[in-house]
N, C-alpha and C. Protein backbone atom coordinates (compact mmCIF):
# COMPACT_ATOMS: atom_id res chain seq x y z
N MET A 1 88.39 91.09 113.98
CA MET A 1 87.27 91.35 113.07
C MET A 1 86.61 90.02 112.69
N ASN A 2 85.29 89.93 112.82
CA ASN A 2 84.62 88.67 112.56
C ASN A 2 84.53 88.37 111.06
N TYR A 3 84.12 87.14 110.75
CA TYR A 3 84.12 86.67 109.36
C TYR A 3 83.18 87.48 108.47
N ILE A 4 81.98 87.79 108.96
CA ILE A 4 81.00 88.53 108.16
C ILE A 4 81.53 89.92 107.81
N ALA A 5 82.15 90.57 108.78
CA ALA A 5 82.71 91.90 108.55
C ALA A 5 83.82 91.84 107.50
N ARG A 6 84.67 90.82 107.60
CA ARG A 6 85.76 90.66 106.63
C ARG A 6 85.21 90.35 105.24
N LEU A 7 84.12 89.57 105.18
CA LEU A 7 83.50 89.23 103.91
C LEU A 7 82.92 90.47 103.24
N ILE A 8 82.20 91.28 104.02
CA ILE A 8 81.63 92.52 103.48
C ILE A 8 82.74 93.46 103.01
N MET A 9 83.79 93.56 103.83
CA MET A 9 84.94 94.40 103.49
C MET A 9 85.57 93.95 102.18
N MET A 10 85.70 92.65 101.99
CA MET A 10 86.29 92.11 100.76
C MET A 10 85.41 92.41 99.55
N LEU A 11 84.10 92.20 99.67
CA LEU A 11 83.18 92.41 98.54
C LEU A 11 83.17 93.88 98.11
N LEU A 12 83.11 94.77 99.09
CA LEU A 12 83.11 96.20 98.77
C LEU A 12 84.42 96.62 98.12
N SER A 13 85.54 96.11 98.64
CA SER A 13 86.84 96.53 98.12
C SER A 13 87.06 96.06 96.69
N VAL A 14 86.64 94.83 96.34
CA VAL A 14 86.86 94.36 94.97
C VAL A 14 85.96 95.11 93.99
N CYS A 15 84.75 95.48 94.44
CA CYS A 15 83.88 96.29 93.57
C CYS A 15 84.49 97.66 93.32
N ILE A 16 85.04 98.27 94.37
CA ILE A 16 85.70 99.56 94.23
C ILE A 16 86.91 99.45 93.31
N MET A 17 87.64 98.35 93.42
CA MET A 17 88.79 98.13 92.53
C MET A 17 88.33 98.11 91.08
N GLY A 18 87.19 97.47 90.81
CA GLY A 18 86.67 97.41 89.44
C GLY A 18 86.31 98.79 88.92
N VAL A 19 85.67 99.59 89.76
CA VAL A 19 85.33 100.96 89.38
C VAL A 19 86.60 101.73 89.04
N CYS A 20 87.61 101.57 89.86
CA CYS A 20 88.88 102.27 89.66
C CYS A 20 89.57 101.84 88.36
N VAL A 21 89.53 100.55 88.05
CA VAL A 21 90.14 100.05 86.81
C VAL A 21 89.53 100.75 85.61
N SER A 22 88.19 100.85 85.59
CA SER A 22 87.50 101.51 84.48
C SER A 22 87.91 102.98 84.37
N LEU A 23 87.98 103.67 85.50
CA LEU A 23 88.34 105.09 85.49
C LEU A 23 89.80 105.30 85.11
N LEU A 24 90.67 104.37 85.51
CA LEU A 24 92.08 104.48 85.12
C LEU A 24 92.24 104.35 83.61
N VAL A 25 91.45 103.49 82.99
CA VAL A 25 91.47 103.35 81.54
C VAL A 25 91.03 104.66 80.89
N MET A 26 90.03 105.31 81.48
CA MET A 26 89.53 106.58 80.93
C MET A 26 90.58 107.68 80.96
N THR A 27 91.51 107.62 81.90
CA THR A 27 92.55 108.65 81.98
C THR A 27 93.60 108.48 80.87
N SER A 28 93.60 107.31 80.23
CA SER A 28 94.58 106.96 79.18
C SER A 28 95.99 106.75 79.73
N PHE A 29 96.12 106.72 81.06
CA PHE A 29 97.42 106.43 81.66
C PHE A 29 97.59 104.93 81.91
N GLY A 30 96.51 104.18 81.78
CA GLY A 30 96.58 102.73 81.90
C GLY A 30 96.28 102.19 83.28
N PRO A 31 95.68 100.98 83.35
CA PRO A 31 95.41 100.31 84.62
C PRO A 31 96.58 99.41 85.02
N ASP A 32 96.35 98.51 85.95
CA ASP A 32 97.37 97.55 86.37
C ASP A 32 97.68 96.57 85.24
N PRO A 33 98.84 95.90 85.25
CA PRO A 33 99.23 95.00 84.16
C PRO A 33 98.21 93.91 83.81
N CYS A 34 97.63 93.28 84.83
CA CYS A 34 96.65 92.21 84.57
C CYS A 34 95.44 92.75 83.83
N SER A 35 94.92 93.88 84.26
CA SER A 35 93.75 94.48 83.61
C SER A 35 94.09 94.93 82.20
N ALA A 36 95.30 95.47 82.01
CA ALA A 36 95.73 95.90 80.68
C ALA A 36 95.72 94.72 79.71
N LEU A 37 96.24 93.57 80.17
CA LEU A 37 96.25 92.36 79.35
C LEU A 37 94.82 91.91 79.04
N ASN A 38 93.97 91.88 80.04
CA ASN A 38 92.61 91.38 79.85
C ASN A 38 91.76 92.29 78.99
N TYR A 39 92.02 93.60 79.02
CA TYR A 39 91.31 94.51 78.11
C TYR A 39 91.70 94.19 76.66
N GLY A 40 92.98 93.92 76.45
CA GLY A 40 93.43 93.59 75.10
C GLY A 40 92.86 92.29 74.61
N MET A 41 92.85 91.27 75.46
CA MET A 41 92.31 89.97 75.07
C MET A 41 90.80 90.03 74.88
N ALA A 42 90.12 90.82 75.68
CA ALA A 42 88.68 90.99 75.53
C ALA A 42 88.35 91.58 74.17
N GLU A 43 89.16 92.55 73.76
CA GLU A 43 88.97 93.18 72.45
C GLU A 43 89.19 92.18 71.32
N LEU A 44 90.22 91.33 71.47
CA LEU A 44 90.52 90.34 70.43
C LEU A 44 89.45 89.26 70.34
N THR A 45 88.88 88.87 71.47
CA THR A 45 87.90 87.78 71.49
C THR A 45 86.47 88.25 71.29
N GLY A 46 86.25 89.56 71.40
CA GLY A 46 84.90 90.08 71.25
C GLY A 46 84.06 89.96 72.51
N LEU A 47 84.68 89.59 73.63
CA LEU A 47 83.97 89.48 74.90
C LEU A 47 84.07 90.79 75.66
N SER A 48 83.18 90.97 76.63
CA SER A 48 83.31 92.13 77.50
C SER A 48 84.52 91.91 78.41
N PHE A 49 85.03 93.00 78.96
CA PHE A 49 86.17 92.89 79.86
C PHE A 49 85.86 91.97 81.04
N GLY A 50 84.67 92.15 81.63
CA GLY A 50 84.29 91.34 82.78
C GLY A 50 84.21 89.86 82.47
N THR A 51 83.64 89.54 81.32
CA THR A 51 83.48 88.13 80.93
C THR A 51 84.83 87.49 80.64
N TYR A 52 85.68 88.21 79.89
CA TYR A 52 87.00 87.63 79.60
C TYR A 52 87.80 87.49 80.89
N GLN A 53 87.75 88.49 81.76
CA GLN A 53 88.52 88.43 83.00
C GLN A 53 88.07 87.23 83.85
N ALA A 54 86.77 86.97 83.87
CA ALA A 54 86.26 85.83 84.62
C ALA A 54 86.80 84.52 84.04
N CYS A 55 86.76 84.41 82.71
CA CYS A 55 87.26 83.20 82.04
C CYS A 55 88.75 83.01 82.29
N PHE A 56 89.51 84.09 82.18
CA PHE A 56 90.95 84.07 82.41
C PHE A 56 91.26 83.60 83.83
N ASN A 57 90.51 84.14 84.79
CA ASN A 57 90.75 83.80 86.18
C ASN A 57 90.32 82.38 86.52
N ILE A 58 89.30 81.88 85.84
CA ILE A 58 88.86 80.50 86.08
C ILE A 58 89.97 79.52 85.69
N VAL A 59 90.62 79.80 84.55
CA VAL A 59 91.73 78.94 84.11
C VAL A 59 92.86 78.98 85.14
N LEU A 60 93.21 80.18 85.59
CA LEU A 60 94.27 80.31 86.60
C LEU A 60 93.85 79.67 87.92
N PHE A 61 92.58 79.83 88.26
CA PHE A 61 92.07 79.27 89.51
C PHE A 61 92.24 77.75 89.55
N VAL A 62 91.89 77.09 88.45
CA VAL A 62 92.01 75.63 88.39
C VAL A 62 93.46 75.21 88.57
N PHE A 63 94.37 75.93 87.90
CA PHE A 63 95.79 75.60 88.00
C PHE A 63 96.29 75.78 89.44
N VAL A 64 95.96 76.92 90.06
CA VAL A 64 96.39 77.19 91.43
C VAL A 64 95.76 76.19 92.39
N PHE A 65 94.50 75.87 92.18
CA PHE A 65 93.79 74.92 93.04
C PHE A 65 94.48 73.55 93.04
N LEU A 66 94.92 73.14 91.87
CA LEU A 66 95.60 71.85 91.76
C LEU A 66 96.98 71.87 92.41
N CYS A 67 97.61 73.05 92.44
CA CYS A 67 98.96 73.16 93.00
C CYS A 67 98.96 73.46 94.50
N ASP A 68 98.12 74.40 94.91
CA ASP A 68 98.08 74.78 96.34
C ASP A 68 96.78 75.52 96.63
N ARG A 69 95.76 74.78 97.02
CA ARG A 69 94.45 75.38 97.26
C ARG A 69 94.41 76.29 98.47
N SER A 70 95.44 76.23 99.33
CA SER A 70 95.46 77.07 100.53
C SER A 70 95.58 78.56 100.18
N LEU A 71 96.03 78.86 98.97
CA LEU A 71 96.17 80.25 98.54
C LEU A 71 94.83 80.86 98.14
N LEU A 72 93.81 80.03 98.01
CA LEU A 72 92.52 80.47 97.49
C LEU A 72 91.46 80.53 98.59
N GLY A 73 90.41 81.28 98.32
CA GLY A 73 89.30 81.40 99.26
C GLY A 73 88.18 82.19 98.63
N LEU A 74 87.21 82.62 99.43
CA LEU A 74 86.10 83.40 98.90
C LEU A 74 86.58 84.70 98.25
N GLY A 75 87.66 85.24 98.80
CA GLY A 75 88.22 86.46 98.22
C GLY A 75 88.69 86.26 96.80
N SER A 76 89.13 85.04 96.50
CA SER A 76 89.57 84.71 95.14
C SER A 76 88.39 84.82 94.17
N PHE A 77 87.24 84.26 94.57
CA PHE A 77 86.05 84.32 93.73
C PHE A 77 85.56 85.76 93.58
N GLY A 78 85.63 86.52 94.68
CA GLY A 78 85.21 87.92 94.62
C GLY A 78 86.01 88.70 93.60
N ASN A 79 87.32 88.51 93.64
CA ASN A 79 88.19 89.20 92.69
C ASN A 79 87.96 88.71 91.26
N MET A 80 87.80 87.41 91.10
CA MET A 80 87.61 86.81 89.77
C MET A 80 86.41 87.38 89.04
N ILE A 81 85.31 87.57 89.76
CA ILE A 81 84.05 87.95 89.14
C ILE A 81 83.74 89.44 89.25
N LEU A 82 83.87 89.99 90.44
CA LEU A 82 83.36 91.33 90.70
C LEU A 82 84.19 92.46 90.11
N VAL A 83 85.51 92.31 90.09
CA VAL A 83 86.35 93.40 89.56
C VAL A 83 86.01 93.69 88.10
N GLY A 84 85.96 92.64 87.28
CA GLY A 84 85.70 92.82 85.86
C GLY A 84 84.33 93.37 85.56
N TYR A 85 83.31 92.82 86.21
CA TYR A 85 81.94 93.27 85.93
C TYR A 85 81.66 94.64 86.55
N ALA A 86 82.33 94.97 87.66
CA ALA A 86 82.20 96.32 88.22
C ALA A 86 82.82 97.34 87.26
N ALA A 87 83.93 96.95 86.62
CA ALA A 87 84.57 97.82 85.63
C ALA A 87 83.65 98.01 84.42
N ASP A 88 83.05 96.92 83.95
CA ASP A 88 82.11 97.00 82.81
C ASP A 88 80.93 97.91 83.14
N PHE A 89 80.38 97.75 84.34
CA PHE A 89 79.23 98.56 84.73
C PHE A 89 79.62 100.04 84.80
N THR A 90 80.79 100.32 85.36
CA THR A 90 81.25 101.71 85.48
C THR A 90 81.44 102.34 84.10
N THR A 91 82.04 101.58 83.18
CA THR A 91 82.24 102.09 81.81
C THR A 91 80.90 102.38 81.15
N TRP A 92 79.94 101.48 81.33
CA TRP A 92 78.60 101.68 80.77
C TRP A 92 77.91 102.88 81.41
N PHE A 93 77.97 102.97 82.72
CA PHE A 93 77.27 104.03 83.44
C PHE A 93 77.84 105.41 83.09
N VAL A 94 79.15 105.52 83.11
CA VAL A 94 79.80 106.80 82.81
C VAL A 94 79.56 107.21 81.36
N GLY A 95 79.63 106.21 80.44
CA GLY A 95 79.47 106.52 79.02
C GLY A 95 78.03 106.72 78.59
N GLN A 96 77.14 105.81 79.00
CA GLN A 96 75.76 105.85 78.54
C GLN A 96 74.85 106.74 79.38
N ILE A 97 75.03 106.73 80.67
CA ILE A 97 74.16 107.51 81.56
C ILE A 97 74.68 108.94 81.75
N LEU A 98 75.98 109.05 82.04
CA LEU A 98 76.57 110.38 82.25
C LEU A 98 77.04 111.02 80.95
N GLY A 99 77.19 110.21 79.89
CA GLY A 99 77.58 110.74 78.59
C GLY A 99 79.04 111.14 78.49
N ILE A 100 79.89 110.56 79.35
CA ILE A 100 81.32 110.87 79.34
C ILE A 100 82.07 109.67 78.78
N THR A 101 82.69 109.81 77.64
CA THR A 101 83.42 108.70 77.03
C THR A 101 84.93 108.86 77.15
N GLU A 102 85.39 110.08 77.36
CA GLU A 102 86.81 110.31 77.55
C GLU A 102 87.04 111.62 78.29
N VAL A 103 88.20 111.71 78.93
CA VAL A 103 88.58 112.93 79.65
C VAL A 103 89.68 113.60 78.83
N VAL A 104 89.36 114.77 78.26
CA VAL A 104 90.27 115.43 77.32
C VAL A 104 91.34 116.25 78.03
N SER A 105 90.94 116.99 79.03
CA SER A 105 91.87 117.89 79.72
C SER A 105 92.97 117.10 80.44
N LEU A 106 94.22 117.46 80.17
CA LEU A 106 95.36 116.79 80.81
C LEU A 106 95.33 116.99 82.32
N THR A 107 95.01 118.21 82.76
CA THR A 107 94.95 118.50 84.19
C THR A 107 93.90 117.62 84.87
N ALA A 108 92.73 117.53 84.25
CA ALA A 108 91.65 116.71 84.81
C ALA A 108 92.04 115.24 84.86
N ARG A 109 92.75 114.79 83.83
CA ARG A 109 93.19 113.39 83.77
C ARG A 109 94.20 113.08 84.88
N ILE A 110 95.13 114.01 85.12
CA ILE A 110 96.16 113.82 86.15
C ILE A 110 95.52 113.79 87.54
N VAL A 111 94.61 114.74 87.79
CA VAL A 111 93.92 114.79 89.09
C VAL A 111 93.10 113.51 89.29
N MET A 112 92.40 113.13 88.24
CA MET A 112 91.59 111.90 88.29
C MET A 112 92.47 110.69 88.55
N LEU A 113 93.63 110.64 87.88
CA LEU A 113 94.56 109.54 88.06
C LEU A 113 95.02 109.42 89.51
N LEU A 114 95.43 110.54 90.10
CA LEU A 114 95.96 110.52 91.47
C LEU A 114 94.90 110.07 92.47
N VAL A 115 93.69 110.59 92.31
CA VAL A 115 92.60 110.25 93.23
C VAL A 115 92.20 108.78 93.09
N VAL A 116 92.00 108.37 91.84
CA VAL A 116 91.55 106.99 91.58
C VAL A 116 92.63 105.99 91.98
N LEU A 117 93.88 106.32 91.70
CA LEU A 117 94.98 105.41 92.03
C LEU A 117 95.08 105.20 93.54
N LEU A 118 94.91 106.29 94.30
CA LEU A 118 94.95 106.20 95.76
C LEU A 118 93.83 105.28 96.27
N ILE A 119 92.63 105.47 95.72
CA ILE A 119 91.49 104.65 96.13
C ILE A 119 91.72 103.19 95.75
N PHE A 120 92.27 102.97 94.55
CA PHE A 120 92.54 101.62 94.08
C PHE A 120 93.52 100.90 95.00
N VAL A 121 94.59 101.57 95.37
CA VAL A 121 95.63 100.97 96.21
C VAL A 121 95.06 100.62 97.60
N VAL A 122 94.30 101.54 98.16
CA VAL A 122 93.70 101.29 99.48
C VAL A 122 92.71 100.13 99.40
N ALA A 123 91.88 100.11 98.35
CA ALA A 123 90.91 99.02 98.19
C ALA A 123 91.62 97.68 98.01
N ALA A 124 92.71 97.68 97.23
CA ALA A 124 93.47 96.45 97.01
C ALA A 124 94.11 95.97 98.31
N ALA A 125 94.61 96.90 99.10
CA ALA A 125 95.21 96.55 100.39
C ALA A 125 94.17 95.96 101.34
N ILE A 126 92.98 96.53 101.35
CA ILE A 126 91.90 96.02 102.20
C ILE A 126 91.52 94.61 101.76
N TYR A 127 91.38 94.42 100.45
CA TYR A 127 91.03 93.11 99.91
C TYR A 127 92.09 92.06 100.27
N MET A 128 93.36 92.40 100.07
CA MET A 128 94.44 91.45 100.32
C MET A 128 94.63 91.14 101.80
N ASN A 129 94.18 92.07 102.66
CA ASN A 129 94.32 91.85 104.10
C ASN A 129 93.03 91.35 104.75
N SER A 130 92.07 90.95 103.91
CA SER A 130 90.81 90.42 104.46
C SER A 130 90.99 88.99 104.97
N GLY A 131 92.08 88.32 104.53
CA GLY A 131 92.34 86.95 104.97
C GLY A 131 91.42 85.93 104.34
N LEU A 132 90.86 86.27 103.17
CA LEU A 132 89.91 85.36 102.51
C LEU A 132 90.45 84.80 101.20
N GLY A 133 91.76 84.79 101.04
CA GLY A 133 92.34 84.26 99.82
C GLY A 133 92.73 85.34 98.84
N THR A 134 93.61 85.02 97.91
CA THR A 134 94.09 85.98 96.93
C THR A 134 93.55 85.67 95.54
N ALA A 135 93.65 86.63 94.66
CA ALA A 135 93.25 86.42 93.27
C ALA A 135 94.15 85.38 92.62
N PRO A 136 93.63 84.55 91.72
CA PRO A 136 94.46 83.56 91.04
C PRO A 136 95.71 84.16 90.39
N TYR A 137 95.55 85.37 89.81
CA TYR A 137 96.68 86.05 89.17
C TYR A 137 97.81 86.28 90.18
N ASP A 138 97.45 86.72 91.39
CA ASP A 138 98.45 86.97 92.43
C ASP A 138 98.97 85.67 93.03
N ALA A 139 98.07 84.70 93.20
CA ALA A 139 98.48 83.42 93.77
C ALA A 139 99.51 82.72 92.89
N LEU A 140 99.38 82.91 91.58
CA LEU A 140 100.32 82.28 90.65
C LEU A 140 101.74 82.75 90.88
N VAL A 141 101.89 84.01 91.30
CA VAL A 141 103.23 84.55 91.58
C VAL A 141 103.88 83.79 92.73
N PHE A 142 103.10 83.49 93.76
CA PHE A 142 103.63 82.73 94.90
C PHE A 142 104.10 81.34 94.46
N LEU A 143 103.33 80.72 93.57
CA LEU A 143 103.70 79.40 93.08
C LEU A 143 104.99 79.46 92.26
N ILE A 144 105.10 80.47 91.41
CA ILE A 144 106.30 80.63 90.58
C ILE A 144 107.52 80.89 91.46
N HIS A 145 107.35 81.76 92.45
CA HIS A 145 108.45 82.09 93.36
C HIS A 145 108.92 80.84 94.10
N ARG A 146 107.97 80.08 94.61
CA ARG A 146 108.30 78.86 95.34
C ARG A 146 109.04 77.86 94.45
N HIS A 147 108.57 77.72 93.20
CA HIS A 147 109.18 76.78 92.26
C HIS A 147 110.61 77.20 91.91
N LEU A 148 110.80 78.50 91.66
CA LEU A 148 112.13 79.00 91.29
C LEU A 148 113.13 78.82 92.43
N CYS A 149 112.69 79.10 93.65
CA CYS A 149 113.58 78.93 94.81
C CYS A 149 113.97 77.46 94.99
N LYS A 150 113.01 76.58 94.77
CA LYS A 150 113.27 75.15 94.89
C LYS A 150 114.18 74.66 93.78
N LYS A 151 113.96 75.18 92.57
CA LYS A 151 114.73 74.76 91.40
C LYS A 151 116.17 75.23 91.49
N THR A 152 116.37 76.47 91.88
CA THR A 152 117.71 77.05 91.93
C THR A 152 118.41 76.80 93.27
N LYS A 153 117.61 76.36 94.25
CA LYS A 153 118.12 76.15 95.62
C LYS A 153 118.69 77.44 96.20
N LYS A 154 118.09 78.56 95.80
CA LYS A 154 118.48 79.86 96.31
C LYS A 154 117.22 80.62 96.72
N GLU A 155 117.38 81.54 97.67
CA GLU A 155 116.25 82.35 98.12
C GLU A 155 116.16 83.59 97.23
N ILE A 156 115.34 83.50 96.21
CA ILE A 156 115.16 84.62 95.28
C ILE A 156 114.17 85.61 95.90
N PRO A 157 114.53 86.91 95.94
CA PRO A 157 113.60 87.90 96.49
C PRO A 157 112.25 87.85 95.80
N PHE A 158 111.19 87.84 96.58
CA PHE A 158 109.84 87.74 96.01
C PHE A 158 109.55 88.92 95.08
N LYS A 159 110.01 90.12 95.46
CA LYS A 159 109.70 91.29 94.65
C LYS A 159 110.32 91.21 93.26
N VAL A 160 111.45 90.50 93.14
CA VAL A 160 112.08 90.32 91.82
C VAL A 160 111.18 89.47 90.92
N VAL A 161 110.63 88.42 91.51
CA VAL A 161 109.72 87.55 90.76
C VAL A 161 108.46 88.31 90.38
N ARG A 162 107.92 89.08 91.32
CA ARG A 162 106.69 89.83 91.06
C ARG A 162 106.88 90.88 89.97
N ILE A 163 107.98 91.60 90.04
CA ILE A 163 108.26 92.63 89.04
C ILE A 163 108.45 92.00 87.66
N SER A 164 109.19 90.89 87.61
CA SER A 164 109.42 90.19 86.33
C SER A 164 108.12 89.67 85.75
N TYR A 165 107.28 89.15 86.62
CA TYR A 165 105.97 88.60 86.23
C TYR A 165 105.09 89.69 85.63
N ASP A 166 104.97 90.82 86.35
CA ASP A 166 104.15 91.93 85.87
C ASP A 166 104.72 92.55 84.60
N ALA A 167 106.05 92.59 84.51
CA ALA A 167 106.69 93.14 83.31
C ALA A 167 106.37 92.30 82.09
N LEU A 168 106.43 90.98 82.24
CA LEU A 168 106.11 90.08 81.14
C LEU A 168 104.66 90.25 80.70
N ILE A 169 103.76 90.34 81.67
CA ILE A 169 102.33 90.53 81.37
C ILE A 169 102.11 91.85 80.64
N THR A 170 102.83 92.90 81.07
CA THR A 170 102.70 94.21 80.43
C THR A 170 103.19 94.19 78.98
N VAL A 171 104.29 93.50 78.73
CA VAL A 171 104.82 93.37 77.37
C VAL A 171 103.81 92.65 76.48
N ILE A 172 103.23 91.57 76.98
CA ILE A 172 102.23 90.83 76.21
C ILE A 172 101.02 91.72 75.95
N ALA A 173 100.59 92.46 76.98
CA ALA A 173 99.44 93.36 76.84
C ALA A 173 99.71 94.41 75.76
N PHE A 174 100.91 94.95 75.75
CA PHE A 174 101.28 95.96 74.75
C PHE A 174 101.26 95.36 73.34
N LEU A 175 101.78 94.16 73.21
CA LEU A 175 101.87 93.52 71.90
C LEU A 175 100.51 93.20 71.30
N ILE A 176 99.52 92.92 72.15
CA ILE A 176 98.18 92.59 71.64
C ILE A 176 97.25 93.79 71.61
N GLY A 177 97.80 94.96 71.94
CA GLY A 177 96.98 96.17 71.88
C GLY A 177 96.15 96.43 73.11
N GLY A 178 96.61 95.94 74.27
CA GLY A 178 95.89 96.17 75.52
C GLY A 178 96.00 97.61 75.99
N GLU A 179 95.29 97.92 77.08
CA GLU A 179 95.24 99.29 77.60
C GLU A 179 96.49 99.62 78.41
N VAL A 180 97.64 99.59 77.76
CA VAL A 180 98.91 99.87 78.44
C VAL A 180 99.19 101.37 78.40
N GLY A 181 99.54 101.92 79.54
CA GLY A 181 99.88 103.33 79.62
C GLY A 181 101.07 103.54 80.54
N VAL A 182 101.40 104.79 80.77
CA VAL A 182 102.53 105.12 81.64
C VAL A 182 102.34 104.52 83.03
N MET A 183 101.10 104.60 83.55
CA MET A 183 100.84 104.10 84.89
C MET A 183 100.97 102.58 84.96
N THR A 184 100.64 101.90 83.87
CA THR A 184 100.79 100.44 83.83
C THR A 184 102.25 100.06 84.06
N VAL A 185 103.14 100.78 83.39
CA VAL A 185 104.57 100.52 83.52
C VAL A 185 105.05 100.85 84.94
N LEU A 186 104.58 101.97 85.48
CA LEU A 186 104.98 102.36 86.83
C LEU A 186 104.47 101.37 87.87
N MET A 187 103.30 100.81 87.63
CA MET A 187 102.72 99.86 88.57
C MET A 187 103.55 98.58 88.69
N ILE A 188 104.30 98.27 87.66
CA ILE A 188 105.16 97.08 87.71
C ILE A 188 106.08 97.15 88.92
N VAL A 189 106.60 98.33 89.17
CA VAL A 189 107.56 98.52 90.27
C VAL A 189 106.90 99.02 91.55
N LEU A 190 105.88 99.87 91.41
CA LEU A 190 105.35 100.58 92.57
C LEU A 190 104.15 99.94 93.24
N LEU A 191 103.32 99.19 92.49
CA LEU A 191 102.06 98.73 93.04
C LEU A 191 102.24 97.79 94.23
N GLY A 192 103.08 96.77 94.06
CA GLY A 192 103.28 95.79 95.13
C GLY A 192 103.76 96.42 96.43
N PRO A 193 104.88 97.17 96.39
CA PRO A 193 105.39 97.80 97.62
C PRO A 193 104.40 98.78 98.24
N THR A 194 103.65 99.51 97.39
CA THR A 194 102.68 100.48 97.92
C THR A 194 101.54 99.79 98.65
N ILE A 195 101.02 98.71 98.05
CA ILE A 195 99.95 97.95 98.68
C ILE A 195 100.44 97.34 99.99
N GLU A 196 101.70 96.85 99.98
CA GLU A 196 102.28 96.27 101.18
C GLU A 196 102.37 97.31 102.29
N LEU A 197 102.78 98.54 101.93
CA LEU A 197 102.92 99.62 102.90
C LEU A 197 101.57 100.00 103.50
N VAL A 198 100.56 100.15 102.63
CA VAL A 198 99.21 100.49 103.09
C VAL A 198 98.67 99.38 103.98
N GLY A 199 98.93 98.14 103.58
CA GLY A 199 98.48 96.99 104.36
C GLY A 199 99.07 96.99 105.77
N LYS A 200 100.36 97.33 105.88
CA LYS A 200 101.02 97.37 107.19
C LYS A 200 100.41 98.47 108.07
N GLN A 201 100.12 99.62 107.45
CA GLN A 201 99.51 100.71 108.20
C GLN A 201 98.12 100.33 108.68
N MET A 202 97.37 99.62 107.83
CA MET A 202 96.04 99.15 108.21
C MET A 202 96.13 98.17 109.37
N ALA A 203 97.12 97.28 109.31
CA ALA A 203 97.30 96.28 110.37
C ALA A 203 97.60 96.97 111.70
N LYS A 204 98.41 98.04 111.66
CA LYS A 204 98.74 98.78 112.87
C LYS A 204 97.50 99.43 113.47
N LEU A 205 96.66 100.00 112.60
CA LEU A 205 95.43 100.65 113.07
C LEU A 205 94.49 99.63 113.70
N GLN A 206 94.38 98.45 113.04
CA GLN A 206 93.51 97.41 113.57
C GLN A 206 94.03 96.92 114.93
N HIS A 207 95.35 96.86 115.06
CA HIS A 207 95.96 96.41 116.31
C HIS A 207 95.68 97.41 117.44
N LYS A 208 95.75 98.69 117.11
CA LYS A 208 95.50 99.73 118.11
C LYS A 208 94.04 99.70 118.56
N GLU A 209 93.13 99.47 117.58
CA GLU A 209 91.70 99.44 117.91
C GLU A 209 91.37 98.24 118.78
N ALA A 210 92.13 97.13 118.55
CA ALA A 210 91.90 95.92 119.35
C ALA A 210 92.38 96.14 120.79
């Protein structure tokens, strides 16, 4: 797949991820841990979710850039900016234009959750497999894992570090009043392996097409 195609694929996928984050919040089951934290901090600072998420990611981006810039790329910028503002736009559009501020029916919320979560995972897998760099939030996990392995001189499973990292972020999000829900907690354990599985299936399909 050529560079332009991968770039377009990345831009579309991060925008879709932003739409999904907004809709997951509407279900009251909660978004991913990072988004849950940023919703809480946005509320505390008085900034929009998109603006706070951009600021948060810029700080992480600088840190990751100084430690290992190879983890970053255009995809990092796409995730930093587009996910948050796509979520803000979706919240505005659904609330102000469509007049829907919440989904009351439990059945409707569950159906919406399952559909949106599936789309979110696929979009995240496409973004992560575009080969254009990772989000600063995700890149930081690689740096922490590398540091811990070097410090302890042991090969610590990456998934242990990732789960611990997301769990800590979720606890902080809960303490500051972020959008933490049942799905946020489940994502701590399930999101990474699910995205990895979808990514492998996508790679197989791309290999067959080649």
